[in-house]
C-alpha atoms as a PDB file:
ATOM      1  CA  MET A   1      85.416  78.397 108.609  1.00  0.00           C
ATOM      2  CA  SER A   2      84.921  76.620 111.966  1.00  0.00           C
ATOM      3  CA  LYS A   3      86.597  77.763 115.297  1.00  0.00           C
ATOM      4  CA  ASN A   4      88.508  75.458 117.330  1.00  0.00           C
ATOM      5  CA  CYS A   5      88.214  75.112 121.345  1.00  0.00           C
ATOM      6  CA  PHE A   6      90.001  72.886 123.684  1.00  0.00           C
ATOM      7  CA  VAL A   7      88.279  72.101 127.337  1.00  0.00           C
ATOM      8  CA  THR A   8      89.476  70.216 130.047  1.00  0.00           C
ATOM      9  CA  GLY A   9      87.124  68.418 132.622  1.00  0.00           C
ATOM     10  CA  VAL A  10      84.155  67.982 130.485  1.00  0.00           C
ATOM     11  CA  SER A  11      82.403  64.687 131.938  1.00  0.00           C
ATOM     12  CA  ARG A  12      80.081  66.863 134.002  1.00  0.00           C
ATOM     13  CA  GLY A  13      79.383  70.028 135.621  1.00  0.00           C
ATOM     14  CA  LEU A  14      80.739  73.347 134.237  1.00  0.00           C
ATOM     15  CA  GLY A  15      83.149  71.677 131.830  1.00  0.00           C
ATOM     16  CA  LYS A  16      80.188  69.540 130.239  1.00  0.00           C
ATOM     17  CA  GLY A  17      78.162  72.859 129.786  1.00  0.00           C
ATOM     18  CA  ILE A  18      81.032  74.539 128.363  1.00  0.00           C
ATOM     19  CA  ALA A  19      81.443  71.606 125.985  1.00  0.00           C
ATOM     20  CA  GLU A  20      77.769  71.481 124.901  1.00  0.00           C
ATOM     21  CA  LEU A  21      77.520  75.292 124.468  1.00  0.00           C
ATOM     22  CA  PHE A  22      80.688  75.610 122.436  1.00  0.00           C
ATOM     23  CA  LEU A  23      79.371  72.598 120.129  1.00  0.00           C
ATOM     24  CA  GLU A  24      75.933  74.299 119.682  1.00  0.00           C
ATOM     25  CA  LYS A  25      77.791  77.552 118.676  1.00  0.00           C
ATOM     26  CA  GLY A  26      79.641  75.605 115.981  1.00  0.00           C
ATOM     27  CA  TYR A  27      83.079  74.922 117.282  1.00  0.00           C
ATOM     28  CA  GLN A  28      85.084  71.973 116.682  1.00  0.00           C
ATOM     29  CA  LEU A  29      85.740  70.819 120.431  1.00  0.00           C
ATOM     30  CA  TYR A  30      88.975  69.014 121.669  1.00  0.00           C
ATOM     31  CA  SER A  31      88.446  67.974 125.089  1.00  0.00           C
ATOM     32  CA  CYS A  32      89.942  65.718 127.992  1.00  0.00           C
ATOM     33  CA  SER A  33      88.769  64.313 131.066  1.00  0.00           C
ATOM     34  CA  ARG A  34      89.414  61.418 133.470  1.00  0.00           C
ATOM     35  CA  GLY A  35      86.173  59.783 132.400  1.00  0.00           C
ATOM     36  CA  GLY A  36      83.640  60.565 129.722  1.00  0.00           C
ATOM     37  CA  GLU A  37      83.807  60.110 125.856  1.00  0.00           C
ATOM     38  CA  SER A  38      82.901  62.065 122.724  1.00  0.00           C
ATOM     39  CA  PHE A  39      79.245  62.950 122.508  1.00  0.00           C
ATOM     40  CA  HIS A  40      79.138  64.779 119.375  1.00  0.00           C
ATOM     41  CA  LYS A  41      80.380  64.477 115.724  1.00  0.00           C
ATOM     42  CA  ASN A  42      82.421  67.664 116.064  1.00  0.00           C
ATOM     43  CA  MET A  43      84.322  66.502 119.307  1.00  0.00           C
ATOM     44  CA  GLN A  44      87.389  64.621 119.828  1.00  0.00           C
ATOM     45  CA  HIS A  45      88.192  63.659 123.193  1.00  0.00           C
ATOM     46  CA  ALA A  46      90.983  62.040 125.048  1.00  0.00           C
ATOM     47  CA  LYS A  47      90.801  60.454 128.480  1.00  0.00           C
ATOM     48  CA  CYS A  48      93.238  61.735 130.919  1.00  0.00           C
ATOM     49  CA  ASP A  49      93.808  61.636 134.686  1.00  0.00           C
ATOM     50  CA  LEU A  50      95.277  65.118 135.484  1.00  0.00           C
ATOM     51  CA  SER A  51      96.461  63.874 138.610  1.00  0.00           C
ATOM     52  CA  GLN A  52      98.925  62.049 136.718  1.00  0.00           C
ATOM     53  CA  LEU A  53     101.165  64.680 135.253  1.00  0.00           C
ATOM     54  CA  GLU A  54     103.216  62.343 133.173  1.00  0.00           C
ATOM     55  CA  SER A  55      99.911  61.152 131.335  1.00  0.00           C
ATOM     56  CA  ILE A  56      99.120  64.671 130.052  1.00  0.00           C
ATOM     57  CA  ASP A  57     101.548  65.066 127.266  1.00  0.00           C
ATOM     58  CA  PRO A  58     100.731  61.744 125.574  1.00  0.00           C
ATOM     59  CA  ALA A  59      97.124  62.509 125.842  1.00  0.00           C
ATOM     60  CA  LEU A  60      97.506  65.875 124.272  1.00  0.00           C
ATOM     61  CA  ASN A  61      99.744  64.552 121.589  1.00  0.00           C
ATOM     62  CA  SER A  62      96.947  62.209 120.413  1.00  0.00           C
ATOM     63  CA  LEU A  63      94.318  64.876 120.774  1.00  0.00           C
ATOM     64  CA  LEU A  64      96.026  67.859 119.143  1.00  0.00           C
ATOM     65  CA  ASP A  65      98.805  66.727 116.722  1.00  0.00           C
ATOM     66  CA  LYS A  66      97.074  67.973 113.840  1.00  0.00           C
ATOM     67  CA  VAL A  67      96.114  71.120 115.343  1.00  0.00           C
ATOM     68  CA  ASP A  68      97.712  74.362 114.396  1.00  0.00           C
ATOM     69  CA  ALA A  69      95.454  76.766 116.051  1.00  0.00           C
ATOM     70  CA  LEU A  70      92.960  77.079 118.692  1.00  0.00           C
ATOM     71  CA  ASP A  71      90.635  80.070 119.297  1.00  0.00           C
ATOM     72  CA  VAL A  72      89.902  79.419 122.928  1.00  0.00           C
ATOM     73  CA  VAL A  73      91.216  77.192 125.611  1.00  0.00           C
ATOM     74  CA  ILE A  74      89.482  76.568 128.867  1.00  0.00           C
ATOM     75  CA  LEU A  75      91.150  74.964 131.716  1.00  0.00           C
ATOM     76  CA  ASN A  76      88.218  73.827 133.664  1.00  0.00           C
ATOM     77  CA  ALA A  77      89.070  70.815 135.283  1.00  0.00           C
ATOM     78  CA  GLY A  78      89.559  70.822 139.183  1.00  0.00           C
ATOM     79  CA  ILE A  79      88.615  69.668 142.631  1.00  0.00           C
ATOM     80  CA  ILE A  80      87.729  71.266 145.681  1.00  0.00           C
ATOM     81  CA  GLY A  81      89.034  68.839 148.571  1.00  0.00           C
ATOM     82  CA  GLN A  82      87.506  68.782 151.826  1.00  0.00           C
ATOM     83  CA  ILE A  83      86.133  71.925 153.813  1.00  0.00           C
ATOM     84  CA  LYS A  84      87.938  71.733 156.963  1.00  0.00           C
ATOM     85  CA  ASN A  85      90.392  73.821 159.043  1.00  0.00           C
ATOM     86  CA  MET A  86      93.818  74.522 157.607  1.00  0.00           C
ATOM     87  CA  SER A  87      95.532  72.863 160.624  1.00  0.00           C
ATOM     88  CA  ALA A  88      93.658  69.844 159.956  1.00  0.00           C
ATOM     89  CA  THR A  89      94.519  69.694 156.268  1.00  0.00           C
ATOM     90  CA  SER A  90      97.514  67.524 155.719  1.00  0.00           C
ATOM     91  CA  VAL A  91     100.194  68.361 153.131  1.00  0.00           C
ATOM     92  CA  ASN A  92      99.549  65.136 151.233  1.00  0.00           C
ATOM     93  CA  GLU A  93      95.971  66.496 150.627  1.00  0.00           C
ATOM     94  CA  LEU A  94      97.256  70.061 149.667  1.00  0.00           C
ATOM     95  CA  GLU A  95      99.603  68.358 147.139  1.00  0.00           C
ATOM     96  CA  THR A  96      96.756  66.379 145.490  1.00  0.00           C
ATOM     97  CA  ILE A  97      94.624  69.536 145.348  1.00  0.00           C
ATOM     98  CA  MET A  98      97.619  71.637 143.853  1.00  0.00           C
ATOM     99  CA  THR A  99      98.561  68.912 141.390  1.00  0.00           C
ATOM    100  CA  ILE A 100      95.118  68.890 139.687  1.00  0.00           C
ATOM    101  CA  ASN A 101      94.153  72.489 140.169  1.00  0.00           C
ATOM    102  CA  VAL A 102      97.538  74.041 139.361  1.00  0.00           C
ATOM    103  CA  TRP A 103     100.479  71.675 137.951  1.00  0.00           C
ATOM    104  CA  SER A 104      98.537  70.116 135.581  1.00  0.00           C
ATOM    105  CA  ASN A 105      97.366  73.429 134.016  1.00  0.00           C
ATOM    106  CA  LYS A 106     101.161  74.312 133.907  1.00  0.00           C
ATOM    107  CA  VAL A 107     101.963  71.059 132.309  1.00  0.00           C
ATOM    108  CA  ILE A 108      99.305  72.034 129.503  1.00  0.00           C
ATOM    109  CA  LEU A 109     100.330  75.397 129.062  1.00  0.00           C
ATOM    110  CA  ASP A 110     104.012  74.350 128.525  1.00  0.00           C
ATOM    111  CA  TYR A 111     102.376  72.007 126.004  1.00  0.00           C
ATOM    112  CA  LEU A 112     100.880  74.700 123.896  1.00  0.00           C
ATOM    113  CA  LEU A 113     104.108  76.524 123.746  1.00  0.00           C
ATOM    114  CA  THR A 114     106.164  73.632 123.063  1.00  0.00           C
ATOM    115  CA  ALA A 115     103.826  72.625 120.378  1.00  0.00           C
ATOM    116  CA  LYS A 116     103.734  76.098 119.068  1.00  0.00           C
ATOM    117  CA  ILE A 117     100.084  75.855 118.588  1.00  0.00           C
ATOM    118  CA  THR A 118      98.565  79.415 117.840  1.00  0.00           C
ATOM    119  CA  VAL A 119      96.139  80.196 120.861  1.00  0.00           C
ATOM    120  CA  LYS A 120      93.983  83.427 120.850  1.00  0.00           C
ATOM    121  CA  GLN A 121      92.344  83.416 124.267  1.00  0.00           C
ATOM    122  CA  ILE A 122      93.348  81.266 127.298  1.00  0.00           C
ATOM    123  CA  ILE A 123      90.824  80.993 130.186  1.00  0.00           C
ATOM    124  CA  LEU A 124      91.890  79.283 133.502  1.00  0.00           C
ATOM    125  CA  MET A 125      88.918  78.525 136.039  1.00  0.00           C
ATOM    126  CA  SER A 126      89.713  80.359 139.387  1.00  0.00           C
ATOM    127  CA  SER A 127      87.143  81.157 141.956  1.00  0.00           C
ATOM    128  CA  GLY A 128      86.109  84.002 144.437  1.00  0.00           C
ATOM    129  CA  ALA A 129      87.687  81.732 147.056  1.00  0.00           C
ATOM    130  CA  ALA A 130      91.074  82.680 145.782  1.00  0.00           C
ATOM    131  CA  VAL A 131      90.763  86.263 147.227  1.00  0.00           C
ATOM    132  CA  LEU A 132      88.052  85.721 150.007  1.00  0.00           C
ATOM    133  CA  GLY A 133      90.197  83.293 152.228  1.00  0.00           C
ATOM    134  CA  SER A 134      87.217  82.109 154.007  1.00  0.00           C
ATOM    135  CA  LYS A 135      87.569  79.461 156.865  1.00  0.00           C
ATOM    136  CA  GLY A 136      87.535  75.806 155.755  1.00  0.00           C
ATOM    137  CA  TRP A 137      88.798  76.669 152.234  1.00  0.00           C
ATOM    138  CA  GLY A 138      92.580  76.012 152.586  1.00  0.00           C
ATOM    139  CA  GLY A 139      93.540  73.942 149.738  1.00  0.00           C
ATOM    140  CA  TYR A 140      90.986  74.916 147.298  1.00  0.00           C
ATOM    141  CA  ALA A 141      91.800  78.852 148.137  1.00  0.00           C
ATOM    142  CA  LEU A 142      95.402  78.295 147.717  1.00  0.00           C
ATOM    143  CA  SER A 143      95.260  76.506 144.931  1.00  0.00           C
ATOM    144  CA  LYS A 144      92.996  78.932 142.947  1.00  0.00           C
ATOM    145  CA  SER A 145      95.008  81.818 144.377  1.00  0.00           C
ATOM    146  CA  SER A 146      97.998  79.977 142.609  1.00  0.00           C
ATOM    147  CA  VAL A 147      95.928  79.624 139.269  1.00  0.00           C
ATOM    148  CA  ASN A 148      95.673  83.522 139.496  1.00  0.00           C
ATOM    149  CA  MET A 149      99.500  83.895 139.703  1.00  0.00           C
ATOM    150  CA  LEU A 150      99.767  81.248 137.128  1.00  0.00           C
ATOM    151  CA  ALA A 151      97.755  83.171 134.429  1.00  0.00           C
ATOM    152  CA  LYS A 152      99.864  86.394 135.321  1.00  0.00           C
ATOM    153  CA  LEU A 153     103.293  84.864 135.028  1.00  0.00           C
ATOM    154  CA  TYR A 154     102.196  83.051 131.545  1.00  0.00           C
ATOM    155  CA  ALA A 155     101.013  86.022 130.127  1.00  0.00           C
ATOM    156  CA  HIS A 156     104.588  87.162 129.715  1.00  0.00           C
ATOM    157  CA  GLU A 157     105.445  84.059 127.837  1.00  0.00           C
ATOM    158  CA  PHE A 158     102.379  83.784 125.378  1.00  0.00           C
ATOM    159  CA  GLU A 159     103.074  87.107 123.984  1.00  0.00           C
ATOM    160  CA  ASN A 160     100.276  86.593 121.300  1.00  0.00           C
ATOM    161  CA  THR A 161      97.630  85.074 123.240  1.00  0.00           C
ATOM    162  CA  HIS A 162      95.358  86.740 126.054  1.00  0.00           C
ATOM    163  CA  ILE A 163      95.211  84.784 129.249  1.00  0.00           C
ATOM    164  CA  THR A 164      92.454  85.492 131.827  1.00  0.00           C
ATOM    165  CA  ALA A 165      91.887  83.486 135.175  1.00  0.00           C
ATOM    166  CA  ILE A 166      88.279  83.815 135.932  1.00  0.00           C
ATOM    167  CA  ALA A 167      85.608  83.368 138.869  1.00  0.00           C
ATOM    168  CA  PRO A 168      82.411  82.031 137.029  1.00  0.00           C
ATOM    169  CA  GLY A 169      80.063  82.658 140.122  1.00  0.00           C
ATOM    170  CA  LEU A 170      77.878  79.981 141.933  1.00  0.00           C
ATOM    171  CA  ILE A 171      77.008  77.085 140.047  1.00  0.00           C
ATOM    172  CA  GLN A 172      74.734  74.090 140.846  1.00  0.00           C
ATOM    173  CA  THR A 173      77.134  71.063 140.519  1.00  0.00           C
ATOM    174  CA  ASP A 174      78.237  68.237 142.542  1.00  0.00           C
ATOM    175  CA  MET A 175      80.714  70.542 144.345  1.00  0.00           C
ATOM    176  CA  MET A 176      77.891  72.690 145.471  1.00  0.00           C
ATOM    177  CA  ASN A 177      75.675  69.605 146.433  1.00  0.00           C
ATOM    178  CA  TYR A 178      78.855  68.736 148.590  1.00  0.00           C
ATOM    179  CA  LEU A 179      79.211  72.102 150.205  1.00  0.00           C
ATOM    180  CA  CYS A 180      75.367  72.446 151.083  1.00  0.00           C
ATOM    181  CA  THR A 181      74.872  69.148 152.256  1.00  0.00           C
ATOM    182  CA  GLU A 182      77.822  67.681 153.895  1.00  0.00           C
ATOM    183  CA  VAL A 183      79.583  70.891 155.413  1.00  0.00           C
ATOM    184  CA  ASP A 184      78.403  72.276 158.552  1.00  0.00           C
ATOM    185  CA  PRO A 185      77.534  76.100 157.952  1.00  0.00           C
ATOM    186  CA  GLU A 186      78.106  76.667 161.837  1.00  0.00           C
ATOM    187  CA  ASP A 187      81.695  75.695 161.922  1.00  0.00           C
ATOM    188  CA  PHE A 188      82.399  77.094 158.262  1.00  0.00           C
ATOM    189  CA  PRO A 189      80.373  80.554 157.873  1.00  0.00           C
ATOM    190  CA  ALA A 190      80.754  80.891 154.285  1.00  0.00           C
ATOM    191  CA  ILE A 191      78.594  77.879 153.591  1.00  0.00           C
ATOM    192  CA  LYS A 192      75.551  80.143 154.777  1.00  0.00           C
ATOM    193  CA  ARG A 193      75.933  82.441 151.708  1.00  0.00           C
ATOM    194  CA  LEU A 194      75.819  79.369 149.129  1.00  0.00           C
ATOM    195  CA  GLU A 195      72.751  77.850 150.960  1.00  0.00           C
ATOM    196  CA  ALA A 196      70.794  81.314 150.684  1.00  0.00           C
ATOM    197  CA  ALA A 197      71.780  81.444 147.003  1.00  0.00           C
ATOM    198  CA  LYS A 198      70.000  78.125 146.219  1.00  0.00           C
ATOM    199  CA  GLY A 199      66.919  78.647 144.090  1.00  0.00           C
ATOM    200  CA  THR A 200      67.765  82.265 143.415  1.00  0.00           C
ATOM    201  CA  ASN A 201      69.207  83.488 140.173  1.00  0.00           C
ATOM    202  CA  ALA A 202      72.553  84.044 141.866  1.00  0.00           C
ATOM    203  CA  MET A 203      73.144  80.038 141.959  1.00  0.00           C
ATOM    204  CA  GLN A 204      73.729  79.374 137.906  1.00  0.00           C
ATOM    205  CA  SER A 205      73.134  75.811 136.080  1.00  0.00           C
ATOM    206  CA  PRO A 206      76.183  74.618 134.191  1.00  0.00           C
ATOM    207  CA  LYS A 207      74.572  75.594 130.916  1.00  0.00           C
ATOM    208  CA  GLN A 208      73.610  79.322 132.337  1.00  0.00           C
ATOM    209  CA  ALA A 209      77.255  79.670 133.598  1.00  0.00           C
ATOM    210  CA  ALA A 210      78.898  78.509 130.420  1.00  0.00           C
ATOM    211  CA  GLU A 211      76.619  80.992 128.416  1.00  0.00           C
ATOM    212  CA  LYS A 212      78.002  83.891 130.658  1.00  0.00           C
ATOM    213  CA  ILE A 213      81.551  82.499 130.027  1.00  0.00           C
ATOM    214  CA  PHE A 214      80.824  82.556 126.116  1.00  0.00           C
ATOM    215  CA  ARG A 215      79.359  86.241 126.623  1.00  0.00           C
ATOM    216  CA  ALA A 216      82.343  87.295 128.512  1.00  0.00           C
ATOM    217  CA  LEU A 217      85.056  86.302 126.000  1.00  0.00           C
ATOM    218  CA  PRO A 218      85.306  89.422 123.936  1.00  0.00           C
ATOM    219  CA  GLU A 219      84.809  91.464 127.341  1.00  0.00           C
ATOM    220  CA  LEU A 220      87.602  89.660 128.672  1.00  0.00           C
ATOM    221  CA  LEU A 221      89.924  90.939 126.170  1.00  0.00           C
ATOM    222  CA  ASN A 222      89.517  94.424 127.553  1.00  0.00           C
ATOM    223  CA  TYR A 223      91.567  93.311 130.711  1.00  0.00           C
ATOM    224  CA  ARG A 224      95.283  93.059 130.718  1.00  0.00           C
ATOM    225  CA  SER A 225      96.534  89.777 129.864  1.00  0.00           C
ATOM    226  CA  GLY A 226      97.212  87.731 133.067  1.00  0.00           C
ATOM    227  CA  SER A 227      94.290  89.469 135.012  1.00  0.00           C
ATOM    228  CA  PHE A 228      92.100  87.790 137.515  1.00  0.00           C
ATOM    229  CA  VAL A 229      88.387  88.710 136.920  1.00  0.00           C
ATOM    230  CA  ASP A 230      85.350  87.908 138.511  1.00  0.00           C
ATOM    231  CA  LEU A 231      82.651  87.653 136.100  1.00  0.00           C
ATOM    232  CA  ARG A 232      80.208  89.257 138.491  1.00  0.00           C
ATOM    233  CA  GLN A 233      82.451  92.302 137.841  1.00  0.00           C
ATOM    234  CA  ILE A 234      80.756  92.241 134.688  1.00  0.00           C
ATOM    235  CA  PHE A 235      77.400  90.848 134.982  1.00  0.00           C
ATOM    236  CA  ALA A 236      76.567  91.532 138.555  1.00  0.00           C
ATOM    237  CA  PRO A 237      78.603  94.459 139.840  1.00  0.00           C
ATOM    238  CA  GLN A 238      76.434  95.119 142.955  1.00  0.00           C
ATOM    239  CA  GLU A 239      76.563  91.257 144.008  1.00  0.00           C
ATOM    240  CA  TYR A 240      80.446  91.523 143.537  1.00  0.00           C
ATOM    241  CA  GLN A 241      80.836  94.670 145.462  1.00  0.00           C
ATOM    242  CA  ALA A 242      78.660  93.002 148.567  1.00  0.00           C
ATOM    243  CA  LEU A 243      80.990  89.939 148.092  1.00  0.00           C
ATOM    244  CA  MET A 244      84.142  91.770 148.313  1.00  0.00           C
ATOM    245  CA  LYS A 245      82.743  93.181 151.673  1.00  0.00           C
ATOM    246  CA  ASN A 246      83.578  90.128 153.156  1.00  0.00           C
ATOM    247  CA  LEU A 247      87.399  90.623 152.694  1.00  0.00           C
END
């Protein structure tokens, strides 16, 4: 019997890597993203702009109306916003980031509860930025720390579902290209660590990151539901400890 997976933000980057891997593993994939389309016979896709919260429920109704159970839900979609001083970041900019990175996930979680779809495991995509608080990462860091708390709070309401917020590590995506080419590392020192990781094993391809997430799924069940887990805790503990020294 095939397993079912639901993933958001599958048109590129990590989300696409996750979608491709789960399809390779024989899952029936349900997905949504602002762009993109189905690219596999075992994939059903709905276009949905997560910045428009009112559009999410209709998209999910069309996508999941005949689905009774999901083995894995991965809420991956998100944006970084601009790296700049917090004092230079407007409330409107923060609202946009929070809508896509946090409130859209709340709408999806509420839908799953209301639709009474049985879900074994939910993964919310967080980041090391959620705990590091590095200069310039304002809106993104705020949103990802909120994602961590969202996971903790919904763990009380999804009584038969295991929920984890995870940091997947460094991944070579469009977001990383922006960080390493358009942000001044002298103004925002955290960028230097990203530049140093390029071309090393610390910088994963989307497919490598997806494989690591897949391997981590059973390990994550050992953590209390609602936990935040940086995958480097599991796969690269020394790298994780070195990172935490920056706190």
